[in-house]
Amino acid sequence: MKQSDATLSSDHLNDQLKTTIPDSLALEKWADTDFNWSGKIPVTAFERLSVLSDASQLPEPLLINAHFYRQNHVLHLVFKVTGEVWLTCQRCLNPVAVDLTDDYDLALLDDEAQIQLIDEDQDYLVLNEVVEQSHHEQLLPFKTLIEDEMLLKLPLAPKHDDCEMAVEQVGDIPEIEQENPFAALAALKGKL
């Protein structure tokens, strides 16, 4: 395969990637068959993540590859996010890039009795707590679950690794002479 053919194939693959993410998946349709989804999604597609983002920066779209499948009678939503989001540094108030790149794996349990079917360190959700009902159809909130996991990856107080708090001093700081609390006792000592 020539270099130009390889480039063409990768460009064709990028053209096939979706730019919108499904809001939900129908459990009846996809629970027993594999569902694969890939796309380049702008940060603005995720409302809660977008609100936290620094508006002065235009981030690259997030690359998301997702796989929804059943294994050992347990549904799994496995996805990989590649990309970063720009937040506001809590020290200098300038934009800071936060990497969201990670592999995420959620077990989706029918009930808590299925906990014994998964590893003890596996992240899980109970379906009846997250599934939405629509026209006799159970819908898994696909987009919301992916956004939830990305939000959990964000630091509570984002900051640059080498950031120092910007402090501006206005005027001179007066030197305050503090009175020694034992000075009064020392004065009394000589009088007694």
C-alpha atoms as a PDB file:
ATOM      1  CA  MET A   1       0.000   0.000   0.000  1.00  0.00           C
ATOM      2  CA  LYS A   2       1.387   3.394  -0.983  1.00  0.00           C
ATOM      3  CA  GLN A   3       1.684   6.306   1.452  1.00  0.00           C
ATOM      4  CA  SER A   4      -1.105   8.186  -0.333  1.00  0.00           C
ATOM      5  CA  ASP A   5      -3.389   5.107  -0.075  1.00  0.00           C
ATOM      6  CA  ALA A   6      -2.746   4.885   3.678  1.00  0.00           C
ATOM      7  CA  THR A   7      -3.522   8.587   4.066  1.00  0.00           C
ATOM      8  CA  LEU A   8      -6.663   8.206   1.988  1.00  0.00           C
ATOM      9  CA  SER A   9      -7.833   5.275   4.120  1.00  0.00           C
ATOM     10  CA  SER A  10      -7.274   7.173   7.367  1.00  0.00           C
ATOM     11  CA  ASP A  11      -8.995  10.269   5.959  1.00  0.00           C
ATOM     12  CA  HIS A  12     -11.922   8.091   4.843  1.00  0.00           C
ATOM     13  CA  LEU A  13     -12.116   6.615   8.373  1.00  0.00           C
ATOM     14  CA  ASN A  14     -12.164  10.119   9.881  1.00  0.00           C
ATOM     15  CA  ASP A  15     -14.955  11.098   7.492  1.00  0.00           C
ATOM     16  CA  GLN A  16     -16.974   8.104   8.709  1.00  0.00           C
ATOM     17  CA  LEU A  17     -16.681   9.142  12.361  1.00  0.00           C
ATOM     18  CA  LYS A  18     -19.855  10.685  13.679  1.00  0.00           C
ATOM     19  CA  THR A  19     -20.020  14.231  15.041  1.00  0.00           C
ATOM     20  CA  THR A  20     -23.151  13.774  17.145  1.00  0.00           C
ATOM     21  CA  ILE A  21     -23.562  11.322  19.974  1.00  0.00           C
ATOM     22  CA  PRO A  22     -26.754   9.311  20.567  1.00  0.00           C
ATOM     23  CA  ASP A  23     -28.664  10.507  23.611  1.00  0.00           C
ATOM     24  CA  SER A  24     -29.798   6.997  24.491  1.00  0.00           C
ATOM     25  CA  LEU A  25     -29.740   3.330  23.477  1.00  0.00           C
ATOM     26  CA  ALA A  26     -32.789   1.076  23.351  1.00  0.00           C
ATOM     27  CA  LEU A  27     -32.023  -1.804  25.723  1.00  0.00           C
ATOM     28  CA  GLU A  28     -34.388  -4.228  23.961  1.00  0.00           C
ATOM     29  CA  LYS A  29     -32.577  -3.648  20.681  1.00  0.00           C
ATOM     30  CA  TRP A  30     -28.944  -3.645  21.827  1.00  0.00           C
ATOM     31  CA  ALA A  31     -28.815  -5.624  25.105  1.00  0.00           C
ATOM     32  CA  ASP A  32     -28.185  -8.973  23.435  1.00  0.00           C
ATOM     33  CA  THR A  33     -26.258  -7.763  20.390  1.00  0.00           C
ATOM     34  CA  ASP A  34     -23.059  -5.788  20.398  1.00  0.00           C
ATOM     35  CA  PHE A  35     -23.290  -2.067  19.772  1.00  0.00           C
ATOM     36  CA  ASN A  36     -20.178  -0.179  18.643  1.00  0.00           C
ATOM     37  CA  TRP A  37     -20.025   3.564  18.211  1.00  0.00           C
ATOM     38  CA  SER A  38     -17.191   6.001  17.390  1.00  0.00           C
ATOM     39  CA  GLY A  39     -17.211   9.723  16.917  1.00  0.00           C
ATOM     40  CA  LYS A  40     -15.414  13.039  17.242  1.00  0.00           C
ATOM     41  CA  ILE A  41     -17.644  15.050  19.526  1.00  0.00           C
ATOM     42  CA  PRO A  42     -17.180  18.736  20.392  1.00  0.00           C
ATOM     43  CA  VAL A  43     -17.002  19.510  24.112  1.00  0.00           C
ATOM     44  CA  THR A  44     -20.021  21.781  23.624  1.00  0.00           C
ATOM     45  CA  ALA A  45     -22.155  18.680  22.910  1.00  0.00           C
ATOM     46  CA  PHE A  46     -21.879  17.843  26.626  1.00  0.00           C
ATOM     47  CA  GLU A  47     -23.842  20.561  28.432  1.00  0.00           C
ATOM     48  CA  ARG A  48     -22.433  20.119  31.954  1.00  0.00           C
ATOM     49  CA  LEU A  49     -18.854  19.705  30.729  1.00  0.00           C
ATOM     50  CA  SER A  50     -19.235  22.728  28.484  1.00  0.00           C
ATOM     51  CA  VAL A  51     -20.407  24.922  31.390  1.00  0.00           C
ATOM     52  CA  LEU A  52     -17.192  24.111  33.285  1.00  0.00           C
ATOM     53  CA  SER A  53     -14.972  24.761  30.249  1.00  0.00           C
ATOM     54  CA  ASP A  54     -12.961  27.944  29.807  1.00  0.00           C
ATOM     55  CA  ALA A  55     -14.759  29.843  27.045  1.00  0.00           C
ATOM     56  CA  SER A  56     -11.573  31.621  25.899  1.00  0.00           C
ATOM     57  CA  GLN A  57     -10.172  28.375  24.463  1.00  0.00           C
ATOM     58  CA  LEU A  58     -11.531  26.384  21.551  1.00  0.00           C
ATOM     59  CA  PRO A  59     -10.827  22.724  22.382  1.00  0.00           C
ATOM     60  CA  GLU A  60     -10.329  19.980  19.828  1.00  0.00           C
ATOM     61  CA  PRO A  61     -13.245  17.523  19.607  1.00  0.00           C
ATOM     62  CA  LEU A  62     -13.118  14.501  21.906  1.00  0.00           C
ATOM     63  CA  LEU A  63     -12.619  11.157  20.179  1.00  0.00           C
ATOM     64  CA  ILE A  64     -14.946   8.586  21.742  1.00  0.00           C
ATOM     65  CA  ASN A  65     -15.017   4.859  20.972  1.00  0.00           C
ATOM     66  CA  ALA A  66     -17.777   2.942  22.741  1.00  0.00           C
ATOM     67  CA  HIS A  67     -18.773  -0.711  22.943  1.00  0.00           C
ATOM     68  CA  PHE A  68     -21.988  -1.953  24.567  1.00  0.00           C
ATOM     69  CA  TYR A  69     -22.220  -5.718  25.086  1.00  0.00           C
ATOM     70  CA  ARG A  70     -23.409  -8.524  27.392  1.00  0.00           C
ATOM     71  CA  GLN A  71     -20.926 -10.896  29.050  1.00  0.00           C
ATOM     72  CA  ASN A  72     -21.759 -13.500  31.724  1.00  0.00           C
ATOM     73  CA  HIS A  73     -25.355 -12.193  31.920  1.00  0.00           C
ATOM     74  CA  VAL A  74     -24.126  -8.645  32.702  1.00  0.00           C
ATOM     75  CA  LEU A  75     -24.345  -5.646  30.376  1.00  0.00           C
ATOM     76  CA  HIS A  76     -21.165  -3.615  29.959  1.00  0.00           C
ATOM     77  CA  LEU A  77     -20.552  -0.164  28.552  1.00  0.00           C
ATOM     78  CA  VAL A  78     -16.870   0.190  27.741  1.00  0.00           C
ATOM     79  CA  PHE A  79     -15.573   3.347  26.137  1.00  0.00           C
ATOM     80  CA  LYS A  80     -12.363   5.225  25.504  1.00  0.00           C
ATOM     81  CA  VAL A  81     -12.154   9.006  25.453  1.00  0.00           C
ATOM     82  CA  THR A  82      -9.191  10.717  23.819  1.00  0.00           C
ATOM     83  CA  GLY A  83      -8.803  14.464  24.217  1.00  0.00           C
ATOM     84  CA  GLU A  84      -8.711  17.318  26.651  1.00  0.00           C
ATOM     85  CA  VAL A  85     -10.923  20.044  27.998  1.00  0.00           C
ATOM     86  CA  TRP A  86      -9.864  23.561  28.973  1.00  0.00           C
ATOM     87  CA  LEU A  87     -10.785  24.647  32.478  1.00  0.00           C
ATOM     88  CA  THR A  88      -9.883  27.717  34.553  1.00  0.00           C
ATOM     89  CA  CYS A  89      -6.832  27.387  36.802  1.00  0.00           C
ATOM     90  CA  GLN A  90      -7.921  28.073  40.376  1.00  0.00           C
ATOM     91  CA  ARG A  91      -4.627  29.816  41.188  1.00  0.00           C
ATOM     92  CA  CYS A  92      -3.865  32.138  38.285  1.00  0.00           C
ATOM     93  CA  LEU A  93      -7.329  32.126  36.638  1.00  0.00           C
ATOM     94  CA  ASN A  94      -5.807  31.367  33.216  1.00  0.00           C
ATOM     95  CA  PRO A  95      -6.897  28.426  31.052  1.00  0.00           C
ATOM     96  CA  VAL A  96      -5.425  25.011  31.902  1.00  0.00           C
ATOM     97  CA  ALA A  97      -5.750  21.874  29.761  1.00  0.00           C
ATOM     98  CA  VAL A  98      -7.096  18.819  31.587  1.00  0.00           C
ATOM     99  CA  ASP A  99      -6.571  15.486  29.863  1.00  0.00           C
ATOM    100  CA  LEU A 100      -9.677  13.288  29.734  1.00  0.00           C
ATOM    101  CA  THR A 101      -7.944  10.448  27.887  1.00  0.00           C
ATOM    102  CA  ASP A 102      -8.809   7.199  29.634  1.00  0.00           C
ATOM    103  CA  ASP A 103     -10.516   3.831  29.294  1.00  0.00           C
ATOM    104  CA  TYR A 104     -13.842   3.615  31.098  1.00  0.00           C
ATOM    105  CA  ASP A 105     -15.711   0.396  31.943  1.00  0.00           C
ATOM    106  CA  LEU A 106     -19.176   0.309  33.516  1.00  0.00           C
ATOM    107  CA  ALA A 107     -21.103  -2.835  34.413  1.00  0.00           C
ATOM    108  CA  LEU A 108     -24.853  -2.253  34.090  1.00  0.00           C
ATOM    109  CA  LEU A 109     -26.608  -4.551  36.540  1.00  0.00           C
ATOM    110  CA  ASP A 110     -30.248  -5.646  36.422  1.00  0.00           C
ATOM    111  CA  ASP A 111     -30.231  -5.656  40.232  1.00  0.00           C
ATOM    112  CA  GLU A 112     -27.752  -5.688  43.098  1.00  0.00           C
ATOM    113  CA  ALA A 113     -27.754  -9.499  43.185  1.00  0.00           C
ATOM    114  CA  GLN A 114     -25.573  -9.376  40.051  1.00  0.00           C
ATOM    115  CA  ILE A 115     -22.717  -7.729  41.963  1.00  0.00           C
ATOM    116  CA  GLN A 116     -21.302 -11.195  42.598  1.00  0.00           C
ATOM    117  CA  LEU A 117     -20.894 -11.649  38.806  1.00  0.00           C
ATOM    118  CA  ILE A 118     -18.388  -8.793  38.441  1.00  0.00           C
ATOM    119  CA  ASP A 119     -14.938  -8.033  39.844  1.00  0.00           C
ATOM    120  CA  GLU A 120     -14.983  -6.239  43.174  1.00  0.00           C
ATOM    121  CA  ASP A 121     -13.120  -3.214  41.729  1.00  0.00           C
ATOM    122  CA  GLN A 122     -15.475  -2.935  38.709  1.00  0.00           C
ATOM    123  CA  ASP A 123     -17.517   0.280  38.474  1.00  0.00           C
ATOM    124  CA  TYR A 124     -21.220  -0.489  38.163  1.00  0.00           C
ATOM    125  CA  LEU A 125     -24.667   1.047  37.981  1.00  0.00           C
ATOM    126  CA  VAL A 126     -28.028  -0.578  38.640  1.00  0.00           C
ATOM    127  CA  LEU A 127     -30.122  -0.238  35.483  1.00  0.00           C
ATOM    128  CA  ASN A 128     -33.416   0.681  37.172  1.00  0.00           C
ATOM    129  CA  GLU A 129     -31.656   3.734  38.655  1.00  0.00           C
ATOM    130  CA  VAL A 130     -30.487   5.098  35.284  1.00  0.00           C
ATOM    131  CA  VAL A 131     -32.838   3.708  32.614  1.00  0.00           C
ATOM    132  CA  GLU A 132     -35.494   6.022  31.197  1.00  0.00           C
ATOM    133  CA  GLN A 133     -38.888   4.730  30.091  1.00  0.00           C
ATOM    134  CA  SER A 134     -40.257   5.970  26.748  1.00  0.00           C
ATOM    135  CA  HIS A 135     -43.228   4.494  24.862  1.00  0.00           C
ATOM    136  CA  HIS A 136     -42.891   1.002  26.388  1.00  0.00           C
ATOM    137  CA  GLU A 137     -39.168   1.106  25.655  1.00  0.00           C
ATOM    138  CA  GLN A 138     -36.277   1.158  28.118  1.00  0.00           C
ATOM    139  CA  LEU A 139     -33.613   3.672  27.130  1.00  0.00           C
ATOM    140  CA  LEU A 140     -30.077   3.738  28.486  1.00  0.00           C
ATOM    141  CA  PRO A 141     -28.892   7.383  28.741  1.00  0.00           C
ATOM    142  CA  PHE A 142     -25.731   6.758  26.670  1.00  0.00           C
ATOM    143  CA  LYS A 143     -24.581  10.373  26.331  1.00  0.00           C
ATOM    144  CA  THR A 144     -25.271  11.188  29.989  1.00  0.00           C
ATOM    145  CA  LEU A 145     -23.332   8.158  31.255  1.00  0.00           C
ATOM    146  CA  ILE A 146     -20.296   9.095  29.163  1.00  0.00           C
ATOM    147  CA  GLU A 147     -20.479  12.700  30.355  1.00  0.00           C
ATOM    148  CA  ASP A 148     -20.840  11.569  33.993  1.00  0.00           C
ATOM    149  CA  GLU A 149     -17.634   9.527  33.778  1.00  0.00           C
ATOM    150  CA  MET A 150     -15.712  12.411  32.189  1.00  0.00           C
ATOM    151  CA  LEU A 151     -16.948  14.788  34.906  1.00  0.00           C
ATOM    152  CA  LEU A 152     -15.738  12.365  37.574  1.00  0.00           C
ATOM    153  CA  LYS A 153     -12.260  12.485  36.004  1.00  0.00           C
ATOM    154  CA  LEU A 154     -12.004  16.275  36.376  1.00  0.00           C
ATOM    155  CA  PRO A 155      -9.997  17.624  39.321  1.00  0.00           C
ATOM    156  CA  LEU A 156     -11.957  19.493  42.011  1.00  0.00           C
ATOM    157  CA  ALA A 157      -9.623  22.492  41.723  1.00  0.00           C
ATOM    158  CA  PRO A 158      -7.829  22.492  38.367  1.00  0.00           C
ATOM    159  CA  LYS A 159      -4.416  24.187  38.363  1.00  0.00           C
ATOM    160  CA  HIS A 160      -1.215  24.296  36.393  1.00  0.00           C
ATOM    161  CA  ASP A 161       1.549  22.020  37.698  1.00  0.00           C
ATOM    162  CA  ASP A 162       3.959  24.940  38.027  1.00  0.00           C
ATOM    163  CA  CYS A 163       1.487  27.692  38.826  1.00  0.00           C
ATOM    164  CA  GLU A 164       1.984  30.254  41.540  1.00  0.00           C
ATOM    165  CA  MET A 165      -0.880  32.388  42.720  1.00  0.00           C
ATOM    166  CA  ALA A 166      -0.766  35.864  41.239  1.00  0.00           C
ATOM    167  CA  VAL A 167      -0.811  38.387  44.073  1.00  0.00           C
ATOM    168  CA  GLU A 168      -0.677  42.118  43.561  1.00  0.00           C
ATOM    169  CA  GLN A 169       0.245  44.336  46.476  1.00  0.00           C
ATOM    170  CA  VAL A 170      -1.150  47.836  46.636  1.00  0.00           C
ATOM    171  CA  GLY A 171       0.828  50.191  48.879  1.00  0.00           C
ATOM    172  CA  ASP A 172       3.083  49.353  51.773  1.00  0.00           C
ATOM    173  CA  ILE A 173       2.105  46.882  54.412  1.00  0.00           C
ATOM    174  CA  PRO A 174       2.421  48.643  57.759  1.00  0.00           C
ATOM    175  CA  GLU A 175       4.443  46.891  60.402  1.00  0.00           C
ATOM    176  CA  ILE A 176       2.263  46.247  63.394  1.00  0.00           C
ATOM    177  CA  GLU A 177       4.013  45.977  66.705  1.00  0.00           C
ATOM    178  CA  GLN A 178       2.341  43.292  68.667  1.00  0.00           C
ATOM    179  CA  GLU A 179       2.248  43.674  72.393  1.00  0.00           C
ATOM    180  CA  ASN A 180       3.785  40.831  74.336  1.00  0.00           C
ATOM    181  CA  PRO A 181       1.005  39.347  76.483  1.00  0.00           C
ATOM    182  CA  PHE A 182       3.536  38.523  79.215  1.00  0.00           C
ATOM    183  CA  ALA A 183       4.931  42.085  79.432  1.00  0.00           C
ATOM    184  CA  ALA A 184       2.254  43.030  81.964  1.00  0.00           C
ATOM    185  CA  LEU A 185       3.215  40.014  84.096  1.00  0.00           C
ATOM    186  CA  ALA A 186       6.895  40.974  83.934  1.00  0.00           C
ATOM    187  CA  ALA A 187       6.024  44.461  85.203  1.00  0.00           C
ATOM    188  CA  LEU A 188       4.018  42.994  88.089  1.00  0.00           C
ATOM    189  CA  LYS A 189       6.832  40.607  89.001  1.00  0.00           C
ATOM    190  CA  GLY A 190       9.078  43.423  90.173  1.00  0.00           C
ATOM    191  CA  LYS A 191       6.337  45.038  92.259  1.00  0.00           C
ATOM    192  CA  LEU A 192       5.400  41.973  94.239  1.00  0.00           C
END
